[in-house]
Amino acid sequence: MATKKRKPRKWIQQAVKRPGALRKALGAKKGQTIPAGKLRAAAKRKGRIGRQARLAQTLKKLSKRKKRK
């Protein structure tokens, strides 16, 4: 049986609804990375900021894994 090729889903583009909102909420300057401590603390929060911070941590891990290969 032949396997179908799947189109890569662009879930990351759809997940990031407000680019730059997390950076603004955490007070990080544009063009610089958000400090890991601030990101970790924000990930423990509830609501939209917490969700955005947790997604940012996940995306950070994905980029590290991609660089390793």
C-alpha atoms as a PDB file:
ATOM      1  CA  MET A   1       0.000   0.000   0.000  1.00  0.00           C
ATOM      2  CA  ALA A   2       1.378   3.385  -0.957  1.00  0.00           C
ATOM      3  CA  THR A   3       1.696   5.978   1.752  1.00  0.00           C
ATOM      4  CA  LYS A   4       0.396   9.475   1.243  1.00  0.00           C
ATOM      5  CA  LYS A   5       2.720  12.407   1.622  1.00  0.00           C
ATOM      6  CA  ARG A   6       1.459  14.822   4.219  1.00  0.00           C
ATOM      7  CA  LYS A   7       1.647  18.534   3.733  1.00  0.00           C
ATOM      8  CA  PRO A   8       3.599  20.096   6.569  1.00  0.00           C
ATOM      9  CA  ARG A   9       1.112  21.837   8.800  1.00  0.00           C
ATOM     10  CA  LYS A  10       1.929  25.408   9.679  1.00  0.00           C
ATOM     11  CA  TRP A  11       0.717  25.249  13.265  1.00  0.00           C
ATOM     12  CA  ILE A  12       3.334  27.667  14.577  1.00  0.00           C
ATOM     13  CA  GLN A  13       2.235  30.499  12.286  1.00  0.00           C
ATOM     14  CA  GLN A  14      -1.362  29.909  13.342  1.00  0.00           C
ATOM     15  CA  ALA A  15      -0.458  29.703  17.036  1.00  0.00           C
ATOM     16  CA  VAL A  16       1.260  33.094  17.178  1.00  0.00           C
ATOM     17  CA  LYS A  17      -1.678  35.481  17.004  1.00  0.00           C
ATOM     18  CA  ARG A  18       0.010  38.618  18.376  1.00  0.00           C
ATOM     19  CA  PRO A  19       3.679  38.822  17.411  1.00  0.00           C
ATOM     20  CA  GLY A  20       5.612  40.953  19.895  1.00  0.00           C
ATOM     21  CA  ALA A  21       2.901  40.942  22.588  1.00  0.00           C
ATOM     22  CA  LEU A  22       4.858  38.708  24.964  1.00  0.00           C
ATOM     23  CA  ARG A  23       7.987  40.820  24.563  1.00  0.00           C
ATOM     24  CA  LYS A  24       6.008  43.982  25.291  1.00  0.00           C
ATOM     25  CA  ALA A  25       4.291  42.445  28.332  1.00  0.00           C
ATOM     26  CA  LEU A  26       7.615  41.298  29.783  1.00  0.00           C
ATOM     27  CA  GLY A  27       9.335  44.617  29.090  1.00  0.00           C
ATOM     28  CA  ALA A  28      12.057  43.182  26.848  1.00  0.00           C
ATOM     29  CA  LYS A  29      13.568  45.507  24.280  1.00  0.00           C
ATOM     30  CA  LYS A  30      12.922  44.955  20.597  1.00  0.00           C
ATOM     31  CA  GLY A  31      15.711  43.074  18.833  1.00  0.00           C
ATOM     32  CA  GLN A  32      17.008  41.381  21.992  1.00  0.00           C
ATOM     33  CA  THR A  33      16.138  37.965  23.341  1.00  0.00           C
ATOM     34  CA  ILE A  34      13.777  37.659  26.299  1.00  0.00           C
ATOM     35  CA  PRO A  35      15.818  36.644  29.389  1.00  0.00           C
ATOM     36  CA  ALA A  36      15.294  33.012  30.362  1.00  0.00           C
ATOM     37  CA  GLY A  37      14.383  33.917  33.940  1.00  0.00           C
ATOM     38  CA  LYS A  38      11.626  36.285  32.827  1.00  0.00           C
ATOM     39  CA  LEU A  39      10.320  33.682  30.401  1.00  0.00           C
ATOM     40  CA  ARG A  40      10.334  30.980  33.094  1.00  0.00           C
ATOM     41  CA  ALA A  41       8.471  33.239  35.527  1.00  0.00           C
ATOM     42  CA  ALA A  42       5.925  34.243  32.901  1.00  0.00           C
ATOM     43  CA  ALA A  43       5.303  30.584  32.000  1.00  0.00           C
ATOM     44  CA  LYS A  44       3.993  30.015  35.530  1.00  0.00           C
ATOM     45  CA  ARG A  45       1.386  32.761  35.122  1.00  0.00           C
ATOM     46  CA  LYS A  46      -2.215  32.175  34.109  1.00  0.00           C
ATOM     47  CA  GLY A  47      -3.988  33.542  31.089  1.00  0.00           C
ATOM     48  CA  ARG A  48      -2.689  34.698  27.740  1.00  0.00           C
ATOM     49  CA  ILE A  49       0.786  35.735  28.931  1.00  0.00           C
ATOM     50  CA  GLY A  50       1.367  32.318  30.517  1.00  0.00           C
ATOM     51  CA  ARG A  51       0.269  30.530  27.348  1.00  0.00           C
ATOM     52  CA  GLN A  52       2.488  32.706  25.178  1.00  0.00           C
ATOM     53  CA  ALA A  53       5.476  32.139  27.456  1.00  0.00           C
ATOM     54  CA  ARG A  54       5.004  28.367  27.443  1.00  0.00           C
ATOM     55  CA  LEU A  55       4.765  28.377  23.648  1.00  0.00           C
ATOM     56  CA  ALA A  56       7.933  30.500  23.470  1.00  0.00           C
ATOM     57  CA  GLN A  57       9.767  27.951  25.614  1.00  0.00           C
ATOM     58  CA  THR A  58       8.589  25.131  23.343  1.00  0.00           C
ATOM     59  CA  LEU A  59       9.651  26.970  20.196  1.00  0.00           C
ATOM     60  CA  LYS A  60      13.032  27.684  21.759  1.00  0.00           C
ATOM     61  CA  LYS A  61      13.527  23.934  22.278  1.00  0.00           C
ATOM     62  CA  LEU A  62      12.506  23.225  18.671  1.00  0.00           C
ATOM     63  CA  SER A  63      15.063  25.651  17.297  1.00  0.00           C
ATOM     64  CA  LYS A  64      17.817  24.126  19.466  1.00  0.00           C
ATOM     65  CA  ARG A  65      16.944  20.637  18.226  1.00  0.00           C
ATOM     66  CA  LYS A  66      16.976  21.814  14.614  1.00  0.00           C
ATOM     67  CA  LYS A  67      20.429  23.390  15.018  1.00  0.00           C
ATOM     68  CA  ARG A  68      21.837  20.156  16.478  1.00  0.00           C
ATOM     69  CA  LYS A  69      20.952  18.052  13.413  1.00  0.00           C
END
